[in-house]
């Protein structure tokens, strides 16, 4: 029996431990690493090169979508399953656009999680029934027309800056986190506002929530 190596990326320790405990009962699945933020996930995958990453979308410092994008670019052999508490179209579209192999709702069962990991490890895709239902309900032309949202025009660095701004961090904190100068942060912020046609920090935050870059209990329409 071939063992499938897995890295768990989830910022809530109790949830991460729960997944690890569930997968421990599966003889062909081996959790080789864990991450509690997006940066750790990217670094962990580069170092461990697991077959599959189970990645929460709502991750601090670097959100799961951008972390997955970087992983798929630098370690393309690793398959990514995105995990979220939501099945909103904004999240589904971005997951599909970045090339993730699966999308699971957090309420998924242990059996479904194990099945999803095995399926994507074979080169297939796997979506929770609730996600599949939403996809089937959409007209293909409509879905394809919305699959490339405005964030497609942003660079990876701009997306990182956008997330940190949306998380409420000041320019100095953003600069420290990314290892760049405050002047560079300000330049990225200016570029974000110009590309998105948004002229205030609150607008950037609303856009980040609506685009699925960060999660919020408040539903927002993309500007």
N, C-alpha and C. Protein backbone atom coordinates (compact mmCIF):
# COMPACT_ATOMS: atom_id res chain seq x y z
N UNK A 1 0.84 -1.20 0.00
CA UNK A 1 0.00 0.00 0.00
C UNK A 1 0.88 1.26 0.00
N UNK A 2 0.67 2.11 -1.00
CA UNK A 2 1.45 3.33 -1.09
C UNK A 2 0.91 4.38 -0.12
N UNK A 3 1.81 4.98 0.65
CA UNK A 3 1.40 5.99 1.63
C UNK A 3 1.32 7.37 0.98
N UNK A 4 0.25 8.08 1.28
CA UNK A 4 0.05 9.44 0.77
C UNK A 4 0.44 10.41 1.87
N UNK A 5 1.44 11.24 1.62
CA UNK A 5 1.89 12.21 2.61
C UNK A 5 1.02 13.46 2.55
N UNK A 6 0.71 13.99 3.73
CA UNK A 6 -0.24 15.11 3.84
C UNK A 6 0.32 16.20 4.76
N UNK A 7 0.11 17.45 4.38
CA UNK A 7 0.42 18.58 5.26
C UNK A 7 -0.89 19.29 5.58
N UNK A 8 -1.13 19.54 6.86
CA UNK A 8 -2.35 20.21 7.31
C UNK A 8 -2.06 21.68 7.60
N UNK A 9 -2.78 22.57 6.94
CA UNK A 9 -2.61 24.01 7.14
C UNK A 9 -3.91 24.59 7.66
N UNK A 10 -3.95 24.88 8.95
CA UNK A 10 -5.16 25.37 9.62
C UNK A 10 -4.72 26.18 10.84
N UNK A 11 -5.23 27.41 10.97
CA UNK A 11 -4.73 28.28 12.04
C UNK A 11 -5.32 27.94 13.41
N UNK A 12 -6.43 27.22 13.47
CA UNK A 12 -7.00 26.84 14.75
C UNK A 12 -6.43 25.49 15.19
N UNK A 13 -5.69 25.50 16.28
CA UNK A 13 -5.00 24.29 16.72
C UNK A 13 -5.95 23.13 16.99
N UNK A 14 -7.08 23.42 17.61
CA UNK A 14 -8.01 22.35 17.95
C UNK A 14 -8.57 21.67 16.69
N UNK A 15 -8.79 22.47 15.64
CA UNK A 15 -9.28 21.90 14.37
C UNK A 15 -8.18 21.08 13.72
N UNK A 16 -6.97 21.62 13.74
CA UNK A 16 -5.82 20.92 13.15
C UNK A 16 -5.58 19.58 13.85
N UNK A 17 -5.66 19.61 15.16
CA UNK A 17 -5.46 18.37 15.92
C UNK A 17 -6.56 17.36 15.62
N UNK A 18 -7.77 17.88 15.41
CA UNK A 18 -8.89 17.00 15.08
C UNK A 18 -8.67 16.29 13.75
N UNK A 19 -8.22 17.05 12.75
CA UNK A 19 -7.94 16.45 11.44
C UNK A 19 -6.83 15.42 11.55
N UNK A 20 -5.78 15.77 12.30
CA UNK A 20 -4.66 14.84 12.44
C UNK A 20 -5.12 13.54 13.10
N UNK A 21 -5.97 13.67 14.11
CA UNK A 21 -6.47 12.50 14.82
C UNK A 21 -7.32 11.63 13.90
N UNK A 22 -8.14 12.27 13.06
CA UNK A 22 -8.99 11.54 12.13
C UNK A 22 -8.14 10.78 11.10
N UNK A 23 -7.14 11.46 10.56
CA UNK A 23 -6.32 10.85 9.51
C UNK A 23 -5.38 9.78 10.06
N UNK A 24 -5.12 9.85 11.35
CA UNK A 24 -4.23 8.87 11.98
C UNK A 24 -4.80 7.46 11.88
N UNK A 25 -6.12 7.38 11.76
CA UNK A 25 -6.78 6.07 11.67
C UNK A 25 -6.76 5.50 10.25
N UNK A 26 -6.22 6.28 9.31
CA UNK A 26 -6.17 5.82 7.91
C UNK A 26 -4.75 5.33 7.61
N UNK A 27 -4.55 4.02 7.44
CA UNK A 27 -3.21 3.46 7.29
C UNK A 27 -2.42 3.95 6.08
N UNK A 28 -3.13 4.43 5.05
CA UNK A 28 -2.42 4.88 3.84
C UNK A 28 -2.18 6.38 3.81
N UNK A 29 -2.56 7.09 4.88
CA UNK A 29 -2.38 8.54 4.95
C UNK A 29 -1.42 8.89 6.08
N UNK A 30 -0.45 9.72 5.78
CA UNK A 30 0.57 10.08 6.77
C UNK A 30 0.73 11.60 6.84
N UNK A 31 0.33 12.17 7.98
CA UNK A 31 0.48 13.62 8.19
C UNK A 31 1.95 13.91 8.52
N UNK A 32 2.66 14.51 7.57
CA UNK A 32 4.09 14.75 7.74
C UNK A 32 4.42 16.16 8.21
N UNK A 33 3.41 17.05 8.19
CA UNK A 33 3.67 18.42 8.61
C UNK A 33 2.40 19.18 8.89
N UNK A 34 2.54 20.28 9.65
CA UNK A 34 1.41 21.15 9.98
C UNK A 34 1.83 22.61 9.86
N UNK A 35 0.86 23.46 9.65
CA UNK A 35 1.14 24.90 9.55
C UNK A 35 -0.03 25.66 10.15
N UNK A 36 0.27 26.76 10.84
CA UNK A 36 -0.81 27.55 11.45
C UNK A 36 -1.00 28.90 10.76
N UNK A 37 -0.23 29.15 9.69
CA UNK A 37 -0.48 30.33 8.86
C UNK A 37 0.01 30.03 7.45
N UNK A 38 -0.36 30.90 6.52
CA UNK A 38 -0.04 30.66 5.12
C UNK A 38 1.44 30.59 4.82
N UNK A 39 2.23 31.41 5.48
CA UNK A 39 3.67 31.40 5.23
C UNK A 39 4.29 30.08 5.66
N UNK A 40 3.87 29.58 6.81
CA UNK A 40 4.38 28.29 7.28
C UNK A 40 3.98 27.18 6.30
N UNK A 41 2.79 27.28 5.74
CA UNK A 41 2.33 26.27 4.79
C UNK A 41 3.23 26.24 3.56
N UNK A 42 3.52 27.42 3.00
CA UNK A 42 4.37 27.49 1.81
C UNK A 42 5.76 26.95 2.12
N UNK A 43 6.34 27.38 3.24
CA UNK A 43 7.68 26.90 3.63
C UNK A 43 7.67 25.40 3.88
N UNK A 44 6.60 24.91 4.54
CA UNK A 44 6.52 23.49 4.86
C UNK A 44 6.43 22.62 3.61
N UNK A 45 5.67 23.07 2.63
CA UNK A 45 5.54 22.31 1.39
C UNK A 45 6.85 22.30 0.62
N UNK A 46 7.53 23.44 0.57
CA UNK A 46 8.82 23.49 -0.12
C UNK A 46 9.83 22.55 0.51
N UNK A 47 9.75 22.41 1.83
CA UNK A 47 10.71 21.56 2.54
C UNK A 47 10.31 20.08 2.50
N UNK A 48 9.04 19.79 2.74
CA UNK A 48 8.58 18.40 2.89
C UNK A 48 8.05 17.77 1.61
N UNK A 49 7.59 18.63 0.69
CA UNK A 49 7.02 18.16 -0.58
C UNK A 49 5.98 17.05 -0.39
N UNK A 50 4.94 17.33 0.38
CA UNK A 50 3.88 16.33 0.58
C UNK A 50 3.09 16.11 -0.70
N UNK A 51 2.41 14.97 -0.78
CA UNK A 51 1.59 14.69 -1.95
C UNK A 51 0.36 15.59 -1.97
N UNK A 52 -0.18 15.88 -0.78
CA UNK A 52 -1.42 16.66 -0.68
C UNK A 52 -1.34 17.65 0.47
N UNK A 53 -1.87 18.85 0.24
CA UNK A 53 -2.00 19.85 1.30
C UNK A 53 -3.49 20.10 1.52
N UNK A 54 -3.92 20.05 2.78
CA UNK A 54 -5.28 20.44 3.13
C UNK A 54 -5.17 21.84 3.73
N UNK A 55 -5.67 22.83 3.01
CA UNK A 55 -5.41 24.24 3.32
C UNK A 55 -6.68 25.02 3.64
N UNK A 56 -6.73 25.60 4.83
CA UNK A 56 -7.84 26.48 5.19
C UNK A 56 -7.71 27.78 4.40
N UNK A 57 -8.82 28.30 3.91
CA UNK A 57 -8.79 29.56 3.17
C UNK A 57 -8.45 30.72 4.09
N UNK A 58 -9.05 30.75 5.28
CA UNK A 58 -8.87 31.88 6.19
C UNK A 58 -7.64 31.67 7.06
N UNK A 59 -6.48 32.03 6.52
CA UNK A 59 -5.22 31.87 7.25
C UNK A 59 -4.60 33.24 7.51
N UNK A 60 -4.01 33.45 8.68
CA UNK A 60 -3.36 34.74 8.96
C UNK A 60 -2.05 34.89 8.20
N UNK A 61 -1.59 36.15 8.11
CA UNK A 61 -0.33 36.55 7.47
C UNK A 61 -0.35 36.35 5.96
N UNK A 62 -0.74 35.17 5.51
CA UNK A 62 -0.88 34.89 4.07
C UNK A 62 -2.08 33.98 3.93
N UNK A 63 -3.14 34.47 3.27
CA UNK A 63 -4.37 33.68 3.20
C UNK A 63 -4.16 32.40 2.41
N UNK A 64 -5.05 31.44 2.64
CA UNK A 64 -4.90 30.14 2.02
C UNK A 64 -4.89 30.15 0.51
N UNK A 65 -5.66 31.05 -0.10
CA UNK A 65 -5.69 31.13 -1.56
C UNK A 65 -4.34 31.54 -2.13
N UNK A 66 -3.73 32.57 -1.55
CA UNK A 66 -2.43 33.01 -2.04
C UNK A 66 -1.35 32.00 -1.70
N UNK A 67 -1.44 31.39 -0.52
CA UNK A 67 -0.48 30.35 -0.16
C UNK A 67 -0.56 29.19 -1.15
N UNK A 68 -1.79 28.80 -1.50
CA UNK A 68 -1.98 27.72 -2.47
C UNK A 68 -1.42 28.11 -3.83
N UNK A 69 -1.63 29.35 -4.22
CA UNK A 69 -1.13 29.83 -5.51
C UNK A 69 0.40 29.73 -5.56
N UNK A 70 1.06 30.12 -4.46
CA UNK A 70 2.51 30.04 -4.41
C UNK A 70 2.99 28.59 -4.39
N UNK A 71 2.27 27.74 -3.68
CA UNK A 71 2.64 26.32 -3.61
C UNK A 71 2.53 25.68 -4.99
N UNK A 72 1.44 25.92 -5.69
CA UNK A 72 1.22 25.32 -7.00
C UNK A 72 2.24 25.82 -8.02
N UNK A 73 2.76 27.01 -7.80
CA UNK A 73 3.76 27.56 -8.71
C UNK A 73 5.14 26.98 -8.45
N UNK A 74 5.49 26.81 -7.16
CA UNK A 74 6.84 26.38 -6.82
C UNK A 74 6.97 24.86 -6.63
N UNK A 75 5.88 24.20 -6.21
CA UNK A 75 5.90 22.74 -6.03
C UNK A 75 4.67 22.16 -6.74
N UNK A 76 4.64 22.20 -8.06
CA UNK A 76 3.45 21.81 -8.81
C UNK A 76 3.00 20.37 -8.62
N UNK A 77 3.90 19.50 -8.14
CA UNK A 77 3.53 18.10 -7.94
C UNK A 77 2.61 17.92 -6.73
N UNK A 78 2.62 18.88 -5.82
CA UNK A 78 1.75 18.81 -4.64
C UNK A 78 0.33 19.21 -5.01
N UNK A 79 -0.63 18.42 -4.58
CA UNK A 79 -2.04 18.70 -4.85
C UNK A 79 -2.63 19.45 -3.65
N UNK A 80 -3.50 20.41 -3.92
CA UNK A 80 -4.05 21.25 -2.86
C UNK A 80 -5.56 21.08 -2.74
N UNK A 81 -6.01 20.82 -1.52
CA UNK A 81 -7.44 20.80 -1.21
C UNK A 81 -7.72 22.01 -0.33
N UNK A 82 -8.60 22.89 -0.78
CA UNK A 82 -8.97 24.06 0.00
C UNK A 82 -10.10 23.71 0.95
N UNK A 83 -10.06 24.31 2.11
CA UNK A 83 -11.03 24.04 3.17
C UNK A 83 -11.64 25.36 3.62
N UNK A 84 -12.96 25.40 3.76
CA UNK A 84 -13.62 26.62 4.20
C UNK A 84 -14.92 26.31 4.92
N UNK A 85 -15.35 27.25 5.74
CA UNK A 85 -16.65 27.12 6.40
C UNK A 85 -17.77 27.57 5.46
N UNK A 86 -17.39 28.13 4.31
CA UNK A 86 -18.37 28.70 3.38
C UNK A 86 -18.34 28.01 2.02
N UNK A 87 -19.47 28.04 1.34
CA UNK A 87 -19.53 27.53 -0.04
C UNK A 87 -19.98 28.65 -0.98
N UNK A 88 -19.62 29.90 -0.63
CA UNK A 88 -20.00 31.06 -1.42
C UNK A 88 -19.34 31.01 -2.80
N UNK A 89 -20.01 31.58 -3.80
CA UNK A 89 -19.48 31.58 -5.16
C UNK A 89 -18.11 32.24 -5.24
N UNK A 90 -17.92 33.32 -4.46
CA UNK A 90 -16.64 34.05 -4.53
C UNK A 90 -15.48 33.14 -4.17
N UNK A 91 -15.67 32.29 -3.17
CA UNK A 91 -14.60 31.37 -2.77
C UNK A 91 -14.44 30.26 -3.79
N UNK A 92 -15.54 29.68 -4.22
CA UNK A 92 -15.49 28.58 -5.18
C UNK A 92 -14.78 29.01 -6.46
N UNK A 93 -15.13 30.17 -6.97
CA UNK A 93 -14.54 30.65 -8.22
C UNK A 93 -13.05 30.83 -8.10
N UNK A 94 -12.59 31.38 -6.97
CA UNK A 94 -11.16 31.60 -6.80
C UNK A 94 -10.41 30.28 -6.66
N UNK A 95 -11.01 29.33 -5.96
CA UNK A 95 -10.38 28.02 -5.81
C UNK A 95 -10.21 27.36 -7.18
N UNK A 96 -11.24 27.44 -7.99
CA UNK A 96 -11.17 26.86 -9.33
C UNK A 96 -10.15 27.59 -10.19
N UNK A 97 -10.12 28.92 -10.07
CA UNK A 97 -9.22 29.72 -10.90
C UNK A 97 -7.75 29.45 -10.60
N UNK A 98 -7.42 29.22 -9.34
CA UNK A 98 -6.01 29.03 -9.00
C UNK A 98 -5.52 27.61 -9.28
N UNK A 99 -6.45 26.68 -9.54
CA UNK A 99 -6.05 25.34 -9.91
C UNK A 99 -5.98 24.34 -8.78
N UNK A 100 -6.64 24.62 -7.67
CA UNK A 100 -6.68 23.66 -6.56
C UNK A 100 -7.43 22.40 -7.00
N UNK A 101 -7.07 21.29 -6.41
CA UNK A 101 -7.67 20.01 -6.82
C UNK A 101 -8.97 19.70 -6.11
N UNK A 102 -9.25 20.42 -5.01
CA UNK A 102 -10.47 20.12 -4.28
C UNK A 102 -10.92 21.26 -3.40
N UNK A 103 -12.18 21.19 -2.98
CA UNK A 103 -12.78 22.19 -2.10
C UNK A 103 -13.71 21.46 -1.15
N UNK A 104 -13.38 21.53 0.14
CA UNK A 104 -14.20 20.87 1.16
C UNK A 104 -14.79 21.88 2.13
N UNK A 105 -16.02 21.65 2.53
CA UNK A 105 -16.64 22.44 3.58
C UNK A 105 -16.19 21.86 4.92
N UNK A 106 -15.95 22.72 5.91
CA UNK A 106 -15.39 22.27 7.18
C UNK A 106 -16.25 21.25 7.92
N UNK A 107 -17.53 21.22 7.61
CA UNK A 107 -18.40 20.27 8.29
C UNK A 107 -18.27 18.86 7.71
N UNK A 108 -17.31 18.67 6.83
CA UNK A 108 -17.14 17.38 6.18
C UNK A 108 -16.80 16.28 7.18
N UNK A 109 -17.14 15.05 6.84
CA UNK A 109 -16.87 13.91 7.71
C UNK A 109 -15.43 13.43 7.53
N UNK A 110 -14.97 12.62 8.47
CA UNK A 110 -13.63 12.06 8.39
C UNK A 110 -13.50 11.20 7.13
N UNK A 111 -14.54 10.45 6.83
CA UNK A 111 -14.52 9.58 5.65
C UNK A 111 -14.38 10.40 4.38
N UNK A 112 -15.12 11.53 4.29
CA UNK A 112 -15.06 12.35 3.09
C UNK A 112 -13.69 13.01 2.94
N UNK A 113 -13.11 13.46 4.06
CA UNK A 113 -11.78 14.07 4.01
C UNK A 113 -10.76 13.06 3.49
N UNK A 114 -10.80 11.85 4.01
CA UNK A 114 -9.86 10.81 3.56
C UNK A 114 -10.08 10.48 2.09
N UNK A 115 -11.34 10.41 1.69
CA UNK A 115 -11.67 10.12 0.29
C UNK A 115 -11.14 11.21 -0.63
N UNK A 116 -11.34 12.47 -0.21
CA UNK A 116 -10.87 13.60 -1.02
C UNK A 116 -9.36 13.55 -1.20
N UNK A 117 -8.63 13.27 -0.13
CA UNK A 117 -7.17 13.20 -0.21
C UNK A 117 -6.73 12.10 -1.17
N UNK A 118 -7.37 10.94 -1.09
CA UNK A 118 -7.01 9.84 -1.98
C UNK A 118 -7.32 10.17 -3.44
N UNK A 119 -8.46 10.82 -3.66
CA UNK A 119 -8.86 11.14 -5.03
C UNK A 119 -7.91 12.15 -5.67
N UNK A 120 -7.59 13.22 -4.95
CA UNK A 120 -6.72 14.23 -5.55
C UNK A 120 -5.29 13.70 -5.71
N UNK A 121 -4.89 12.78 -4.84
CA UNK A 121 -3.56 12.17 -4.96
C UNK A 121 -3.46 11.35 -6.25
N UNK A 122 -4.61 10.89 -6.76
CA UNK A 122 -4.65 10.13 -8.02
C UNK A 122 -4.67 11.06 -9.24
N UNK A 123 -4.71 12.37 -8.99
CA UNK A 123 -4.77 13.31 -10.09
C UNK A 123 -6.18 13.76 -10.43
N UNK A 124 -7.15 13.36 -9.60
CA UNK A 124 -8.54 13.75 -9.83
C UNK A 124 -8.88 15.00 -9.03
N UNK A 125 -10.12 15.48 -9.17
CA UNK A 125 -10.59 16.60 -8.37
C UNK A 125 -11.69 16.10 -7.44
N UNK A 126 -11.91 16.85 -6.36
CA UNK A 126 -12.95 16.45 -5.40
C UNK A 126 -13.56 17.70 -4.77
N UNK A 127 -14.89 17.78 -4.82
CA UNK A 127 -15.61 18.89 -4.21
C UNK A 127 -16.70 18.35 -3.28
N UNK A 128 -16.90 19.04 -2.17
CA UNK A 128 -18.00 18.68 -1.27
C UNK A 128 -19.32 18.75 -2.04
N UNK A 129 -20.29 17.93 -1.68
CA UNK A 129 -21.59 17.95 -2.37
C UNK A 129 -22.21 19.35 -2.45
N UNK A 130 -22.08 20.14 -1.39
CA UNK A 130 -22.66 21.49 -1.39
C UNK A 130 -22.00 22.37 -2.45
N UNK A 131 -20.70 22.19 -2.64
CA UNK A 131 -19.97 22.96 -3.65
C UNK A 131 -20.36 22.50 -5.05
N UNK A 132 -20.43 21.19 -5.24
CA UNK A 132 -20.82 20.63 -6.53
C UNK A 132 -22.20 21.12 -6.93
N UNK A 133 -23.11 21.18 -5.96
CA UNK A 133 -24.47 21.63 -6.22
C UNK A 133 -24.48 23.07 -6.71
N UNK A 134 -23.66 23.93 -6.10
CA UNK A 134 -23.61 25.34 -6.52
C UNK A 134 -23.03 25.46 -7.91
N UNK A 135 -22.02 24.66 -8.21
CA UNK A 135 -21.41 24.69 -9.54
C UNK A 135 -22.41 24.26 -10.61
N UNK A 136 -23.17 23.22 -10.32
CA UNK A 136 -24.15 22.72 -11.28
C UNK A 136 -25.28 23.70 -11.50
N UNK A 137 -25.55 24.53 -10.50
CA UNK A 137 -26.64 25.49 -10.60
C UNK A 137 -26.27 26.70 -11.44
N UNK A 138 -24.98 26.90 -11.65
CA UNK A 138 -24.52 28.05 -12.42
C UNK A 138 -24.50 27.73 -13.90
N UNK A 139 -24.79 28.73 -14.72
CA UNK A 139 -24.63 28.59 -16.15
C UNK A 139 -23.14 28.62 -16.46
N UNK A 140 -22.61 27.69 -17.24
CA UNK A 140 -21.18 27.65 -17.53
C UNK A 140 -20.61 28.96 -18.03
N UNK A 141 -21.32 29.64 -18.93
CA UNK A 141 -20.80 30.88 -19.47
C UNK A 141 -20.70 31.96 -18.41
N UNK A 142 -21.66 31.95 -17.49
CA UNK A 142 -21.63 32.93 -16.41
C UNK A 142 -20.46 32.64 -15.49
N UNK A 143 -20.28 31.34 -15.16
CA UNK A 143 -19.21 30.96 -14.26
C UNK A 143 -17.85 31.32 -14.87
N UNK A 144 -17.65 31.02 -16.15
CA UNK A 144 -16.38 31.31 -16.79
C UNK A 144 -16.14 32.80 -16.87
N UNK A 145 -17.22 33.59 -17.03
CA UNK A 145 -17.07 35.03 -17.12
C UNK A 145 -16.66 35.66 -15.80
N UNK A 146 -16.96 34.97 -14.69
CA UNK A 146 -16.64 35.53 -13.38
C UNK A 146 -15.41 34.89 -12.75
N UNK A 147 -14.81 33.92 -13.45
CA UNK A 147 -13.75 33.14 -12.84
C UNK A 147 -12.48 33.95 -12.65
N UNK A 148 -12.34 35.04 -13.40
CA UNK A 148 -11.14 35.87 -13.26
C UNK A 148 -11.55 37.22 -12.68
N UNK A 149 -11.66 37.29 -11.37
CA UNK A 149 -12.07 38.54 -10.73
C UNK A 149 -10.97 39.59 -10.83
N UNK A 150 -11.24 40.75 -10.27
CA UNK A 150 -10.28 41.85 -10.39
C UNK A 150 -8.95 41.56 -9.73
N UNK A 151 -8.91 40.63 -8.81
CA UNK A 151 -7.63 40.33 -8.16
C UNK A 151 -6.66 39.66 -9.11
N UNK A 152 -7.14 39.17 -10.27
CA UNK A 152 -6.25 38.53 -11.23
C UNK A 152 -5.20 39.50 -11.74
N UNK A 153 -5.48 40.80 -11.64
CA UNK A 153 -4.55 41.82 -12.12
C UNK A 153 -3.53 42.23 -11.05
N UNK A 154 -3.64 41.63 -9.88
CA UNK A 154 -2.73 41.99 -8.80
C UNK A 154 -1.58 41.00 -8.71
N UNK A 155 -0.41 41.49 -8.35
CA UNK A 155 0.75 40.62 -8.18
C UNK A 155 0.65 39.90 -6.83
N UNK A 156 1.48 38.87 -6.64
CA UNK A 156 1.48 38.14 -5.38
C UNK A 156 1.80 39.07 -4.22
N UNK A 157 2.76 39.97 -4.41
CA UNK A 157 3.14 40.90 -3.35
C UNK A 157 2.00 41.84 -3.04
N UNK A 158 1.29 42.32 -4.07
CA UNK A 158 0.15 43.21 -3.84
C UNK A 158 -0.96 42.49 -3.07
N UNK A 159 -1.16 41.22 -3.36
CA UNK A 159 -2.16 40.44 -2.63
C UNK A 159 -1.77 40.26 -1.17
N UNK A 160 -0.48 40.08 -0.92
CA UNK A 160 -0.01 39.97 0.46
C UNK A 160 -0.24 41.26 1.21
N UNK A 161 0.09 42.38 0.57
CA UNK A 161 -0.11 43.69 1.19
C UNK A 161 -1.59 43.94 1.42
N UNK A 162 -2.41 43.59 0.44
CA UNK A 162 -3.87 43.78 0.57
C UNK A 162 -4.40 43.01 1.77
N UNK A 163 -3.99 41.77 1.94
CA UNK A 163 -4.48 40.99 3.07
C UNK A 163 -4.08 41.62 4.39
N UNK A 164 -2.83 42.02 4.51
CA UNK A 164 -2.35 42.58 5.77
C UNK A 164 -3.05 43.91 6.08
N UNK A 165 -3.30 44.71 5.06
CA UNK A 165 -4.05 45.96 5.25
C UNK A 165 -5.47 45.64 5.72
N UNK A 166 -6.09 44.66 5.06
CA UNK A 166 -7.47 44.28 5.42
C UNK A 166 -7.54 43.70 6.82
N UNK A 167 -6.44 43.13 7.29
CA UNK A 167 -6.40 42.59 8.65
C UNK A 167 -6.17 43.69 9.68
N UNK A 168 -6.04 44.94 9.20
CA UNK A 168 -5.93 46.07 10.11
C UNK A 168 -4.51 46.47 10.48
N UNK A 169 -3.54 45.97 9.77
CA UNK A 169 -2.15 46.29 10.10
C UNK A 169 -1.74 47.63 9.48
N UNK A 170 -0.98 48.40 10.25
CA UNK A 170 -0.47 49.68 9.79
C UNK A 170 0.69 49.45 8.82
N UNK A 171 1.07 50.50 8.08
CA UNK A 171 2.16 50.38 7.11
C UNK A 171 3.44 49.83 7.74
N UNK A 172 3.76 50.31 8.94
CA UNK A 172 4.98 49.85 9.62
C UNK A 172 4.92 48.37 9.90
N UNK A 173 3.74 47.88 10.32
CA UNK A 173 3.58 46.45 10.61
C UNK A 173 3.67 45.61 9.34
N UNK A 174 3.07 46.12 8.27
CA UNK A 174 3.13 45.42 6.98
C UNK A 174 4.58 45.32 6.51
N UNK A 175 5.30 46.43 6.63
CA UNK A 175 6.70 46.46 6.21
C UNK A 175 7.52 45.45 6.99
N UNK A 176 7.30 45.40 8.30
CA UNK A 176 8.03 44.47 9.16
C UNK A 176 7.71 43.02 8.81
N UNK A 177 6.44 42.75 8.57
CA UNK A 177 6.01 41.39 8.27
C UNK A 177 6.59 40.89 6.95
N UNK A 178 6.65 41.77 5.95
CA UNK A 178 7.10 41.36 4.63
C UNK A 178 8.59 41.61 4.39
N UNK A 179 9.23 42.28 5.33
CA UNK A 179 10.66 42.56 5.17
C UNK A 179 10.96 43.58 4.08
N UNK A 180 10.08 44.56 3.94
CA UNK A 180 10.26 45.62 2.95
C UNK A 180 10.16 46.98 3.64
N UNK A 181 10.46 48.05 2.92
CA UNK A 181 10.42 49.38 3.52
C UNK A 181 8.99 49.91 3.57
N UNK A 182 8.78 50.87 4.46
CA UNK A 182 7.46 51.51 4.56
C UNK A 182 7.12 52.20 3.24
N UNK A 183 8.13 52.79 2.61
CA UNK A 183 7.92 53.46 1.33
C UNK A 183 7.41 52.48 0.28
N UNK A 184 7.95 51.26 0.30
CA UNK A 184 7.51 50.25 -0.66
C UNK A 184 6.08 49.81 -0.36
N UNK A 185 5.74 49.70 0.91
CA UNK A 185 4.37 49.37 1.30
C UNK A 185 3.41 50.43 0.77
N UNK A 186 3.77 51.68 0.96
CA UNK A 186 2.92 52.77 0.50
C UNK A 186 2.73 52.73 -1.02
N UNK A 187 3.81 52.36 -1.72
CA UNK A 187 3.73 52.26 -3.18
C UNK A 187 2.78 51.13 -3.59
N UNK A 188 2.88 50.00 -2.91
CA UNK A 188 1.98 48.89 -3.19
C UNK A 188 0.53 49.28 -2.91
N UNK A 189 0.33 50.01 -1.82
CA UNK A 189 -1.03 50.43 -1.48
C UNK A 189 -1.59 51.36 -2.56
N UNK A 190 -0.76 52.28 -3.05
CA UNK A 190 -1.18 53.18 -4.13
C UNK A 190 -1.54 52.38 -5.39
N UNK A 191 -0.72 51.37 -5.69
CA UNK A 191 -0.99 50.54 -6.87
C UNK A 191 -2.30 49.77 -6.72
N UNK A 192 -2.54 49.26 -5.51
CA UNK A 192 -3.78 48.53 -5.24
C UNK A 192 -4.99 49.42 -5.49
N UNK A 193 -4.93 50.60 -4.94
CA UNK A 193 -6.06 51.52 -5.08
C UNK A 193 -6.29 51.91 -6.54
N UNK A 194 -5.19 52.09 -7.27
CA UNK A 194 -5.30 52.46 -8.68
C UNK A 194 -5.89 51.30 -9.50
N UNK A 195 -5.38 50.09 -9.29
CA UNK A 195 -5.84 48.94 -10.06
C UNK A 195 -7.29 48.57 -9.75
N UNK A 196 -7.68 48.73 -8.48
CA UNK A 196 -9.02 48.34 -8.06
C UNK A 196 -10.01 49.50 -8.11
N UNK A 197 -9.49 50.69 -8.38
CA UNK A 197 -10.32 51.90 -8.38
C UNK A 197 -11.02 52.07 -7.04
N UNK A 198 -10.25 51.88 -5.99
CA UNK A 198 -10.72 52.05 -4.61
C UNK A 198 -9.82 53.08 -3.95
N UNK A 199 -10.39 54.02 -3.24
CA UNK A 199 -9.60 55.16 -2.79
C UNK A 199 -9.54 55.32 -1.27
N UNK A 200 -9.91 54.28 -0.52
CA UNK A 200 -9.82 54.35 0.94
C UNK A 200 -9.56 52.96 1.50
N UNK A 201 -8.96 52.93 2.69
CA UNK A 201 -8.60 51.67 3.32
C UNK A 201 -9.83 50.80 3.58
N UNK A 202 -10.90 51.42 4.01
CA UNK A 202 -12.12 50.64 4.28
C UNK A 202 -12.62 49.96 3.03
N UNK A 203 -12.43 50.62 1.88
CA UNK A 203 -12.84 50.02 0.61
C UNK A 203 -11.98 48.82 0.27
N UNK A 204 -10.68 48.90 0.55
CA UNK A 204 -9.80 47.76 0.32
C UNK A 204 -10.20 46.58 1.20
N UNK A 205 -10.57 46.89 2.44
CA UNK A 205 -10.99 45.84 3.36
C UNK A 205 -12.26 45.16 2.87
N UNK A 206 -13.23 45.96 2.42
CA UNK A 206 -14.47 45.38 1.91
C UNK A 206 -14.21 44.51 0.68
N UNK A 207 -13.32 44.99 -0.17
CA UNK A 207 -12.98 44.21 -1.37
C UNK A 207 -12.33 42.88 -0.98
N UNK A 208 -11.42 42.92 -0.01
CA UNK A 208 -10.71 41.71 0.43
C UNK A 208 -11.69 40.69 0.97
N UNK A 209 -12.70 41.15 1.70
CA UNK A 209 -13.72 40.24 2.25
C UNK A 209 -14.57 39.68 1.11
N UNK A 210 -15.02 40.55 0.23
CA UNK A 210 -15.90 40.12 -0.86
C UNK A 210 -15.18 39.16 -1.81
N UNK A 211 -13.88 39.37 -2.02
CA UNK A 211 -13.12 38.53 -2.94
C UNK A 211 -12.62 37.24 -2.31
N UNK A 212 -12.89 37.07 -1.00
CA UNK A 212 -12.49 35.84 -0.34
C UNK A 212 -11.05 35.82 0.13
N UNK A 213 -10.39 36.98 0.14
CA UNK A 213 -9.00 37.05 0.60
C UNK A 213 -8.93 36.90 2.11
N UNK A 214 -9.89 37.47 2.80
CA UNK A 214 -10.08 37.22 4.22
C UNK A 214 -11.53 36.88 4.44
N UNK A 215 -11.84 36.20 5.52
CA UNK A 215 -13.22 35.81 5.79
C UNK A 215 -13.84 36.76 6.80
N UNK A 216 -15.15 36.90 6.70
CA UNK A 216 -15.89 37.73 7.62
C UNK A 216 -17.30 37.17 7.75
N UNK A 217 -17.92 37.39 8.90
CA UNK A 217 -19.30 36.94 9.08
C UNK A 217 -20.27 37.86 8.34
N UNK A 218 -19.75 38.99 7.87
CA UNK A 218 -20.60 39.94 7.12
C UNK A 218 -20.44 39.69 5.64
N UNK A 219 -21.54 39.51 4.94
CA UNK A 219 -21.51 39.28 3.51
C UNK A 219 -21.41 40.62 2.79
N UNK A 220 -20.48 40.73 1.84
CA UNK A 220 -20.25 41.99 1.14
C UNK A 220 -20.32 41.74 -0.35
N UNK A 221 -20.87 42.69 -1.09
CA UNK A 221 -20.89 42.59 -2.54
C UNK A 221 -19.63 43.24 -3.08
N UNK A 222 -18.97 42.58 -4.05
CA UNK A 222 -17.75 43.15 -4.64
C UNK A 222 -18.07 44.49 -5.28
N UNK A 223 -17.22 45.44 -5.01
CA UNK A 223 -17.45 46.81 -5.49
C UNK A 223 -17.31 46.90 -6.99
